[in-house]
Amino acid sequence: MYTKEELEIVEYIENTNPQSVPDKDQKIQVLKNAVSQKYNKRKAINIKVLESDLERIKAIALQEGMPYQTLINSVLHKFVTHQYQETKNAS
């Protein structure tokens, strides 16, 4: 089932002679750049964490071969994008 807007688009294409937007490729690139700047921009933050937690994070990052800030950023990104999977270590 099509939405009203989709049907209007189909009708417009079928019943008129649509013209390409002047400088289409340039306008598309401008929009892509704007989106990229918005969603790939990094912002520095300051947080206070337990010293013991930071030491554990640094140890895990060392095991993974990455800077601890990169590990923290990765965990936060996975959490906010619902990709984080908690794993239990077998002790």
C-alpha atoms as a PDB file:
ATOM      1  CA  MET A   1       0.000   0.000   0.000  1.00  0.00           C
ATOM      2  CA  TYR A   2       1.356   3.402  -0.973  1.00  0.00           C
ATOM      3  CA  THR A   3       1.156   6.508   1.147  1.00  0.00           C
ATOM      4  CA  LYS A   4      -0.607   9.597  -0.161  1.00  0.00           C
ATOM      5  CA  GLU A   5       2.748  11.291  -0.731  1.00  0.00           C
ATOM      6  CA  GLU A   6       4.088   8.305  -2.708  1.00  0.00           C
ATOM      7  CA  LEU A   7       0.992   8.273  -4.895  1.00  0.00           C
ATOM      8  CA  GLU A   8       1.385  12.002  -5.561  1.00  0.00           C
ATOM      9  CA  ILE A   9       4.986  11.451  -6.631  1.00  0.00           C
ATOM     10  CA  VAL A  10       4.022   8.615  -8.998  1.00  0.00           C
ATOM     11  CA  GLU A  11       1.206  10.705 -10.457  1.00  0.00           C
ATOM     12  CA  TYR A  12       3.532  13.668 -10.950  1.00  0.00           C
ATOM     13  CA  ILE A  13       6.131  11.541 -12.748  1.00  0.00           C
ATOM     14  CA  GLU A  14       3.596   9.782 -14.940  1.00  0.00           C
ATOM     15  CA  ASN A  15       1.534  12.859 -15.867  1.00  0.00           C
ATOM     16  CA  THR A  16       4.139  15.596 -16.267  1.00  0.00           C
ATOM     17  CA  ASN A  17       7.555  16.072 -17.733  1.00  0.00           C
ATOM     18  CA  PRO A  18       9.786  16.379 -14.643  1.00  0.00           C
ATOM     19  CA  GLN A  19      12.999  18.318 -15.144  1.00  0.00           C
ATOM     20  CA  SER A  20      16.255  17.627 -13.387  1.00  0.00           C
ATOM     21  CA  VAL A  21      17.352  20.117 -10.770  1.00  0.00           C
ATOM     22  CA  PRO A  22      20.098  22.431 -12.057  1.00  0.00           C
ATOM     23  CA  ASP A  23      23.494  21.565 -10.511  1.00  0.00           C
ATOM     24  CA  LYS A  24      21.952  18.405  -9.032  1.00  0.00           C
ATOM     25  CA  ASP A  25      25.292  16.711  -8.302  1.00  0.00           C
ATOM     26  CA  GLN A  26      26.649  19.801  -6.571  1.00  0.00           C
ATOM     27  CA  LYS A  27      23.508  20.151  -4.431  1.00  0.00           C
ATOM     28  CA  ILE A  28      23.666  16.466  -3.478  1.00  0.00           C
ATOM     29  CA  GLN A  29      27.305  16.876  -2.435  1.00  0.00           C
ATOM     30  CA  VAL A  30      26.460  19.936  -0.321  1.00  0.00           C
ATOM     31  CA  LEU A  31      23.764  17.955   1.492  1.00  0.00           C
ATOM     32  CA  LYS A  32      26.077  14.959   1.994  1.00  0.00           C
ATOM     33  CA  ASN A  33      28.741  17.243   3.459  1.00  0.00           C
ATOM     34  CA  ALA A  34      26.241  18.856   5.818  1.00  0.00           C
ATOM     35  CA  VAL A  35      25.061  15.466   7.081  1.00  0.00           C
ATOM     36  CA  SER A  36      28.626  14.228   7.444  1.00  0.00           C
ATOM     37  CA  GLN A  37      29.630  17.299   9.449  1.00  0.00           C
ATOM     38  CA  LYS A  38      26.613  16.943  11.726  1.00  0.00           C
ATOM     39  CA  TYR A  39      26.930  13.252  12.485  1.00  0.00           C
ATOM     40  CA  ASN A  40      30.695  12.747  12.382  1.00  0.00           C
ATOM     41  CA  LYS A  41      31.644  15.770  14.433  1.00  0.00           C
ATOM     42  CA  ARG A  42      33.407  14.901  17.669  1.00  0.00           C
ATOM     43  CA  LYS A  43      32.881  16.760  20.911  1.00  0.00           C
ATOM     44  CA  ALA A  44      35.269  16.627  23.857  1.00  0.00           C
ATOM     45  CA  ILE A  45      33.726  15.898  27.255  1.00  0.00           C
ATOM     46  CA  ASN A  46      35.035  15.658  30.799  1.00  0.00           C
ATOM     47  CA  ILE A  47      33.731  12.998  33.151  1.00  0.00           C
ATOM     48  CA  LYS A  48      34.745  11.740  36.556  1.00  0.00           C
ATOM     49  CA  VAL A  49      35.002   7.985  36.985  1.00  0.00           C
ATOM     50  CA  LEU A  50      36.201   5.806  39.781  1.00  0.00           C
ATOM     51  CA  GLU A  51      39.961   5.449  39.666  1.00  0.00           C
ATOM     52  CA  SER A  52      39.614   1.681  39.910  1.00  0.00           C
ATOM     53  CA  ASP A  53      37.256   1.643  36.899  1.00  0.00           C
ATOM     54  CA  LEU A  54      39.698   3.733  34.868  1.00  0.00           C
ATOM     55  CA  GLU A  55      42.549   1.366  35.684  1.00  0.00           C
ATOM     56  CA  ARG A  56      40.437  -1.603  34.576  1.00  0.00           C
ATOM     57  CA  ILE A  57      39.474   0.216  31.368  1.00  0.00           C
ATOM     58  CA  LYS A  58      43.133   0.966  30.663  1.00  0.00           C
ATOM     59  CA  ALA A  59      44.041  -2.699  31.247  1.00  0.00           C
ATOM     60  CA  ILE A  60      41.288  -3.894  28.869  1.00  0.00           C
ATOM     61  CA  ALA A  61      42.351  -1.338  26.251  1.00  0.00           C
ATOM     62  CA  LEU A  62      45.946  -2.523  26.521  1.00  0.00           C
ATOM     63  CA  GLN A  63      44.793  -6.126  25.976  1.00  0.00           C
ATOM     64  CA  GLU A  64      42.771  -4.988  22.944  1.00  0.00           C
ATOM     65  CA  GLY A  65      45.692  -2.953  21.588  1.00  0.00           C
ATOM     66  CA  MET A  66      43.968   0.411  21.553  1.00  0.00           C
ATOM     67  CA  PRO A  67      44.041   3.677  23.506  1.00  0.00           C
ATOM     68  CA  TYR A  68      41.662   3.668  26.463  1.00  0.00           C
ATOM     69  CA  GLN A  69      39.798   6.742  25.133  1.00  0.00           C
ATOM     70  CA  THR A  70      39.067   4.816  21.926  1.00  0.00           C
ATOM     71  CA  LEU A  71      37.705   1.908  23.964  1.00  0.00           C
ATOM     72  CA  ILE A  72      35.463   4.214  26.003  1.00  0.00           C
ATOM     73  CA  ASN A  73      34.209   5.904  22.815  1.00  0.00           C
ATOM     74  CA  SER A  74      33.505   2.522  21.219  1.00  0.00           C
ATOM     75  CA  VAL A  75      31.539   1.270  24.222  1.00  0.00           C
ATOM     76  CA  LEU A  76      29.496   4.485  24.386  1.00  0.00           C
ATOM     77  CA  HIS A  77      28.769   4.374  20.655  1.00  0.00           C
ATOM     78  CA  LYS A  78      27.656   0.744  20.827  1.00  0.00           C
ATOM     79  CA  PHE A  79      25.447   1.529  23.821  1.00  0.00           C
ATOM     80  CA  VAL A  80      23.633   4.475  22.233  1.00  0.00           C
ATOM     81  CA  THR A  81      23.156   2.614  18.933  1.00  0.00           C
ATOM     82  CA  HIS A  82      21.805  -0.485  20.729  1.00  0.00           C
ATOM     83  CA  GLN A  83      24.707  -2.610  19.512  1.00  0.00           C
ATOM     84  CA  TYR A  84      26.224  -3.249  22.936  1.00  0.00           C
ATOM     85  CA  GLN A  85      26.080  -6.867  24.016  1.00  0.00           C
ATOM     86  CA  GLU A  86      27.017  -7.587  27.615  1.00  0.00           C
ATOM     87  CA  THR A  87      29.224 -10.638  27.954  1.00  0.00           C
ATOM     88  CA  LYS A  88      29.920 -12.579  31.113  1.00  0.00           C
ATOM     89  CA  ASN A  89      33.493 -13.667  31.710  1.00  0.00           C
ATOM     90  CA  ALA A  90      33.876 -17.274  32.758  1.00  0.00           C
ATOM     91  CA  SER A  91      35.684 -17.141  36.094  1.00  0.00           C
END
